[in-house]
Structures are given as structure tokens and as C-alpha cells.
Amino acid sequence: MDNKEIPKRKKNRLTCYDYSSCGAYFLTVCTSNRCNYFWENDVSSEVGATIGRPYDVKLSKYGKIADKAINDIPFVYPAVKVDHYVIMPDHIHLLLSIRADESGRPMVAPTVSRIVQQMKCCVSKRIGHPICQKSFFDHVIRNKEDYQKHVKYIYENPLALYYDRGGH
């Protein structure tokens, strides 16, 4: 097989962008083969009319481990705030902010890739094997409207899944 036959992969990250910069980031982390690792079986009908993080959906053992890893991010990286998130059956959406200190100076912060890598590693260690895809999707939030659009997406994603699976 020569190099002409190998398809070129689309770059996942913006070139020349500092992913440790202060700002907000929308991230999606998927499970391997999009397997339902995070919700208990047959709970899609329990989403009901809930909009937002599906508190009435029972997280599986793996989902609870992922939830803890997400909530530990600000303790591991004090410059990082988890603004919003939702754990879906086979993926996680996160809206993170990397913040400046009270003087407006950027705090020492890891890159977004490092934050996601640490979270996935924590989940894998607690479970005993990896369950997430190697890569992840990111979107650098551009402005207030972009931020609100992604907050809305996080809160409506469980409801969309409910209706996609035949809910009324």
C-alpha cells in the first residue's frame, strides 16, 4: 500500500491555538465503540421531561466513576472550572472554563488535552481498563452567544435522546 491510499485524518485541534489559554471550551468524550457504559440498562425511558443533566437517570457504576472524575477536575486543576456537563449513555459533554486569578493574570493551567487525558486516565484506573475513545471533540467558545448555545445543548441532549428513542 503506498501513501496515496492512506486517507488523511482531519486535525482535531486548531493550529497555533494555546489550549491552556483563559476561556471556555466545549468538549465531548465518547466511549469506545459508543457502548453504553454510563447509564444503567433500559433507562432511556426514564429521562422523561427532564431538561438538563438527567438526575432521574441512574448512572451505572462506570457512570458514577466518570461523574466523580469530572467533579474532581477543579481539585486537580484549580484554574479549571467545570461550568456544565452531562453524562449520556455513551458520551460526556463538558463545558470547562480556564480562569485567570483575581489580578487578571492567567493561572498556571494545563492544556485541555491534558485535562481530558487526566480525567479519562482516572476513570480507566478506577474501572481497571480503558473505556473511552483515544481522542475527543473540542470547540473553543468564541463569545457569550456561543457559550449559551452550548449550555443549551448540554441541557437538552438527554431530552433529545429520549425523543430519539421513541419517548412521548
C-alpha atoms as a PDB file:
ATOM      1  CA  MET A   1       0.000   0.000   0.000  1.00  0.00           C
ATOM      2  CA  ASP A   2       1.513   3.365  -0.942  1.00  0.00           C
ATOM      3  CA  ASN A   3       0.925   6.664   0.849  1.00  0.00           C
ATOM      4  CA  LYS A   4      -1.632   7.793  -1.737  1.00  0.00           C
ATOM      5  CA  GLU A   5      -4.100   5.180  -0.472  1.00  0.00           C
ATOM      6  CA  ILE A   6      -3.939   6.245   3.163  1.00  0.00           C
ATOM      7  CA  PRO A   7      -6.680   8.786   3.925  1.00  0.00           C
ATOM      8  CA  LYS A   8      -5.563  11.920   5.750  1.00  0.00           C
ATOM      9  CA  ARG A   9      -7.123  12.415   9.148  1.00  0.00           C
ATOM     10  CA  LYS A  10      -8.787  15.702   9.897  1.00  0.00           C
ATOM     11  CA  LYS A  11      -6.909  17.677  12.537  1.00  0.00           C
ATOM     12  CA  ASN A  12      -8.762  17.693  15.835  1.00  0.00           C
ATOM     13  CA  ARG A  13      -7.323  20.900  17.249  1.00  0.00           C
ATOM     14  CA  LEU A  14      -6.942  24.462  15.982  1.00  0.00           C
ATOM     15  CA  THR A  15      -3.421  25.067  14.760  1.00  0.00           C
ATOM     16  CA  CYS A  16      -1.467  27.770  16.595  1.00  0.00           C
ATOM     17  CA  TYR A  17      -4.012  27.954  19.427  1.00  0.00           C
ATOM     18  CA  ASP A  18      -2.914  27.747  23.058  1.00  0.00           C
ATOM     19  CA  TYR A  19      -5.333  25.286  24.661  1.00  0.00           C
ATOM     20  CA  SER A  20      -4.226  26.394  28.128  1.00  0.00           C
ATOM     21  CA  SER A  21      -5.489  29.937  27.460  1.00  0.00           C
ATOM     22  CA  CYS A  22      -8.135  31.500  29.666  1.00  0.00           C
ATOM     23  CA  GLY A  23     -11.552  30.918  28.163  1.00  0.00           C
ATOM     24  CA  ALA A  24     -14.312  28.368  27.801  1.00  0.00           C
ATOM     25  CA  TYR A  25     -14.176  25.038  25.986  1.00  0.00           C
ATOM     26  CA  PHE A  26     -16.941  22.633  24.952  1.00  0.00           C
ATOM     27  CA  LEU A  27     -15.731  19.029  24.952  1.00  0.00           C
ATOM     28  CA  THR A  28     -17.218  15.676  24.009  1.00  0.00           C
ATOM     29  CA  VAL A  29     -15.630  12.437  25.178  1.00  0.00           C
ATOM     30  CA  CYS A  30     -17.058   9.200  23.746  1.00  0.00           C
ATOM     31  CA  THR A  31     -16.826   5.637  24.969  1.00  0.00           C
ATOM     32  CA  SER A  32     -15.093   3.017  22.849  1.00  0.00           C
ATOM     33  CA  ASN A  33     -17.428   1.754  20.137  1.00  0.00           C
ATOM     34  CA  ARG A  34     -20.059   4.109  21.618  1.00  0.00           C
ATOM     35  CA  CYS A  35     -21.007   1.458  24.194  1.00  0.00           C
ATOM     36  CA  ASN A  36     -23.498   2.344  26.919  1.00  0.00           C
ATOM     37  CA  TYR A  37     -21.134   2.337  29.860  1.00  0.00           C
ATOM     38  CA  PHE A  38     -22.517   5.294  31.797  1.00  0.00           C
ATOM     39  CA  TRP A  39     -26.236   4.651  32.287  1.00  0.00           C
ATOM     40  CA  GLU A  40     -27.890   1.600  33.780  1.00  0.00           C
ATOM     41  CA  ASN A  41     -29.588  -0.553  31.145  1.00  0.00           C
ATOM     42  CA  ASP A  42     -33.034   0.355  29.856  1.00  0.00           C
ATOM     43  CA  VAL A  43     -33.141   3.767  31.481  1.00  0.00           C
ATOM     44  CA  SER A  44     -33.643   5.857  28.349  1.00  0.00           C
ATOM     45  CA  SER A  45     -37.365   5.894  29.040  1.00  0.00           C
ATOM     46  CA  GLU A  46     -36.667   7.401  32.471  1.00  0.00           C
ATOM     47  CA  VAL A  47     -35.354  10.662  31.022  1.00  0.00           C
ATOM     48  CA  GLY A  48     -38.954  11.844  30.674  1.00  0.00           C
ATOM     49  CA  ALA A  49     -39.472  15.589  30.519  1.00  0.00           C
ATOM     50  CA  THR A  50     -36.218  16.317  32.300  1.00  0.00           C
ATOM     51  CA  ILE A  51     -34.259  19.058  30.655  1.00  0.00           C
ATOM     52  CA  GLY A  52     -30.666  19.222  31.708  1.00  0.00           C
ATOM     53  CA  ARG A  53     -28.481  16.728  33.397  1.00  0.00           C
ATOM     54  CA  PRO A  54     -30.717  13.683  33.764  1.00  0.00           C
ATOM     55  CA  TYR A  55     -30.883  13.417  37.550  1.00  0.00           C
ATOM     56  CA  ASP A  56     -33.659  10.851  37.259  1.00  0.00           C
ATOM     57  CA  VAL A  57     -31.456   8.595  35.135  1.00  0.00           C
ATOM     58  CA  LYS A  58     -29.473   6.152  37.168  1.00  0.00           C
ATOM     59  CA  LEU A  59     -25.804   6.247  36.397  1.00  0.00           C
ATOM     60  CA  SER A  60     -24.125   2.881  36.144  1.00  0.00           C
ATOM     61  CA  LYS A  61     -21.097   2.030  38.262  1.00  0.00           C
ATOM     62  CA  TYR A  62     -18.919   3.401  35.439  1.00  0.00           C
ATOM     63  CA  GLY A  63     -21.121   6.493  35.135  1.00  0.00           C
ATOM     64  CA  LYS A  64     -20.653   7.227  38.840  1.00  0.00           C
ATOM     65  CA  ILE A  65     -16.883   6.868  38.425  1.00  0.00           C
ATOM     66  CA  ALA A  66     -16.965   9.296  35.483  1.00  0.00           C
ATOM     67  CA  ASP A  67     -19.132  11.714  37.491  1.00  0.00           C
ATOM     68  CA  LYS A  68     -16.600  11.705  40.339  1.00  0.00           C
ATOM     69  CA  ALA A  69     -13.698  12.216  37.920  1.00  0.00           C
ATOM     70  CA  ILE A  70     -15.475  15.214  36.360  1.00  0.00           C
ATOM     71  CA  ASN A  71     -16.208  16.753  39.750  1.00  0.00           C
ATOM     72  CA  ASP A  72     -12.567  16.234  40.798  1.00  0.00           C
ATOM     73  CA  ILE A  73     -11.210  18.299  37.864  1.00  0.00           C
ATOM     74  CA  PRO A  74     -11.215  21.632  39.799  1.00  0.00           C
ATOM     75  CA  PHE A  75      -9.377  19.989  42.712  1.00  0.00           C
ATOM     76  CA  VAL A  76      -6.699  18.587  40.412  1.00  0.00           C
ATOM     77  CA  TYR A  77      -6.513  21.823  38.377  1.00  0.00           C
ATOM     78  CA  PRO A  78      -7.602  24.858  40.455  1.00  0.00           C
ATOM     79  CA  ALA A  79      -7.552  27.137  37.369  1.00  0.00           C
ATOM     80  CA  VAL A  80     -10.212  24.977  35.722  1.00  0.00           C
ATOM     81  CA  LYS A  81     -13.925  25.208  36.456  1.00  0.00           C
ATOM     82  CA  VAL A  82     -16.494  22.687  35.249  1.00  0.00           C
ATOM     83  CA  ASP A  83     -19.314  25.047  34.259  1.00  0.00           C
ATOM     84  CA  HIS A  84     -21.772  22.455  32.933  1.00  0.00           C
ATOM     85  CA  TYR A  85     -21.727  18.805  31.969  1.00  0.00           C
ATOM     86  CA  VAL A  86     -23.955  15.901  31.138  1.00  0.00           C
ATOM     87  CA  ILE A  87     -23.213  12.196  31.215  1.00  0.00           C
ATOM     88  CA  MET A  88     -25.018  10.415  28.407  1.00  0.00           C
ATOM     89  CA  PRO A  89     -25.088   6.620  27.935  1.00  0.00           C
ATOM     90  CA  ASP A  90     -22.068   6.575  25.618  1.00  0.00           C
ATOM     91  CA  HIS A  91     -20.500  10.028  25.860  1.00  0.00           C
ATOM     92  CA  ILE A  92     -19.900  13.027  28.087  1.00  0.00           C
ATOM     93  CA  HIS A  93     -20.305  16.701  27.233  1.00  0.00           C
ATOM     94  CA  LEU A  94     -18.299  19.179  29.296  1.00  0.00           C
ATOM     95  CA  LEU A  95     -18.199  22.954  29.288  1.00  0.00           C
ATOM     96  CA  LEU A  96     -14.974  23.957  31.033  1.00  0.00           C
ATOM     97  CA  SER A  97     -13.526  27.359  31.831  1.00  0.00           C
ATOM     98  CA  ILE A  98      -9.864  28.068  32.357  1.00  0.00           C
ATOM     99  CA  ARG A  99      -9.760  31.120  34.597  1.00  0.00           C
ATOM    100  CA  ALA A 100      -7.422  33.949  35.489  1.00  0.00           C
ATOM    101  CA  ASP A 101      -6.542  34.902  39.049  1.00  0.00           C
ATOM    102  CA  GLU A 102      -8.049  37.946  40.786  1.00  0.00           C
ATOM    103  CA  SER A 103      -5.403  40.208  39.168  1.00  0.00           C
ATOM    104  CA  GLY A 104      -6.455  39.052  35.712  1.00  0.00           C
ATOM    105  CA  ARG A 105      -3.275  37.074  35.160  1.00  0.00           C
ATOM    106  CA  PRO A 106      -3.692  33.604  33.718  1.00  0.00           C
ATOM    107  CA  MET A 107      -3.303  30.967  36.386  1.00  0.00           C
ATOM    108  CA  VAL A 108      -0.994  28.077  35.635  1.00  0.00           C
ATOM    109  CA  ALA A 109      -3.293  25.760  33.741  1.00  0.00           C
ATOM    110  CA  PRO A 110      -2.850  22.545  31.839  1.00  0.00           C
ATOM    111  CA  THR A 111      -3.967  22.202  28.266  1.00  0.00           C
ATOM    112  CA  VAL A 112      -7.482  20.999  27.513  1.00  0.00           C
ATOM    113  CA  SER A 113      -5.944  17.780  26.169  1.00  0.00           C
ATOM    114  CA  ARG A 114      -4.162  17.219  29.480  1.00  0.00           C
ATOM    115  CA  ILE A 115      -7.378  17.784  31.457  1.00  0.00           C
ATOM    116  CA  VAL A 116      -9.287  15.246  29.338  1.00  0.00           C
ATOM    117  CA  GLN A 117      -6.380  12.776  29.413  1.00  0.00           C
ATOM    118  CA  GLN A 118      -6.212  13.000  33.219  1.00  0.00           C
ATOM    119  CA  MET A 119      -9.992  12.535  33.560  1.00  0.00           C
ATOM    120  CA  LYS A 120     -10.027   9.506  31.224  1.00  0.00           C
ATOM    121  CA  CYS A 121      -6.976   8.028  32.968  1.00  0.00           C
ATOM    122  CA  CYS A 122      -8.673   8.430  36.363  1.00  0.00           C
ATOM    123  CA  VAL A 123     -11.800   6.654  35.077  1.00  0.00           C
ATOM    124  CA  SER A 124      -9.725   3.864  33.491  1.00  0.00           C
ATOM    125  CA  LYS A 125      -7.701   3.295  36.674  1.00  0.00           C
ATOM    126  CA  ARG A 126     -10.808   3.080  38.851  1.00  0.00           C
ATOM    127  CA  ILE A 127     -12.524   0.707  36.421  1.00  0.00           C
ATOM    128  CA  GLY A 128      -9.428  -1.355  35.674  1.00  0.00           C
ATOM    129  CA  HIS A 129      -9.361  -0.835  31.901  1.00  0.00           C
ATOM    130  CA  PRO A 130      -9.935   1.982  29.410  1.00  0.00           C
ATOM    131  CA  ILE A 131     -13.493   2.587  28.175  1.00  0.00           C
ATOM    132  CA  CYS A 132     -13.099   5.850  26.242  1.00  0.00           C
ATOM    133  CA  GLN A 133     -12.027   6.566  22.692  1.00  0.00           C
ATOM    134  CA  LYS A 134      -8.472   7.853  22.378  1.00  0.00           C
ATOM    135  CA  SER A 135      -9.424  11.255  21.042  1.00  0.00           C
ATOM    136  CA  PHE A 136     -12.158  13.754  21.887  1.00  0.00           C
ATOM    137  CA  PHE A 137     -14.019  16.617  20.237  1.00  0.00           C
ATOM    138  CA  ASP A 138     -13.343  20.181  21.302  1.00  0.00           C
ATOM    139  CA  HIS A 139     -14.788  23.562  20.458  1.00  0.00           C
ATOM    140  CA  VAL A 140     -13.248  26.826  21.641  1.00  0.00           C
ATOM    141  CA  ILE A 141     -16.101  29.057  22.813  1.00  0.00           C
ATOM    142  CA  ARG A 142     -15.994  32.310  20.833  1.00  0.00           C
ATOM    143  CA  ASN A 143     -18.453  34.599  22.651  1.00  0.00           C
ATOM    144  CA  LYS A 144     -21.418  34.762  25.032  1.00  0.00           C
ATOM    145  CA  GLU A 145     -23.923  33.551  22.401  1.00  0.00           C
ATOM    146  CA  ASP A 146     -21.683  30.593  21.544  1.00  0.00           C
ATOM    147  CA  TYR A 147     -21.405  29.774  25.256  1.00  0.00           C
ATOM    148  CA  GLN A 148     -25.195  29.905  25.738  1.00  0.00           C
ATOM    149  CA  LYS A 149     -25.734  27.728  22.652  1.00  0.00           C
ATOM    150  CA  HIS A 150     -23.506  25.021  24.144  1.00  0.00           C
ATOM    151  CA  VAL A 151     -25.091  25.282  27.599  1.00  0.00           C
ATOM    152  CA  LYS A 152     -28.480  24.778  25.931  1.00  0.00           C
ATOM    153  CA  TYR A 153     -27.120  21.782  24.011  1.00  0.00           C
ATOM    154  CA  ILE A 154     -25.853  20.165  27.230  1.00  0.00           C
ATOM    155  CA  TYR A 155     -29.196  20.632  28.962  1.00  0.00           C
ATOM    156  CA  GLU A 156     -31.303  19.478  26.003  1.00  0.00           C
ATOM    157  CA  ASN A 157     -29.192  16.476  24.964  1.00  0.00           C
ATOM    158  CA  PRO A 158     -30.876  13.997  27.365  1.00  0.00           C
ATOM    159  CA  LEU A 159     -34.320  15.090  26.194  1.00  0.00           C
ATOM    160  CA  ALA A 160     -33.285  14.716  22.552  1.00  0.00           C
ATOM    161  CA  LEU A 161     -32.119  11.165  23.298  1.00  0.00           C
ATOM    162  CA  TYR A 162     -35.448  10.409  24.957  1.00  0.00           C
ATOM    163  CA  TYR A 163     -37.404  11.512  21.873  1.00  0.00           C
ATOM    164  CA  ASP A 164     -34.951   9.794  19.507  1.00  0.00           C
ATOM    165  CA  ARG A 165     -35.672   6.526  21.336  1.00  0.00           C
ATOM    166  CA  GLY A 166     -39.423   6.886  20.975  1.00  0.00           C
ATOM    167  CA  GLY A 167     -40.374   8.800  24.106  1.00  0.00           C
ATOM    168  CA  HIS A 168     -43.546  10.878  24.098  1.00  0.00           C
END
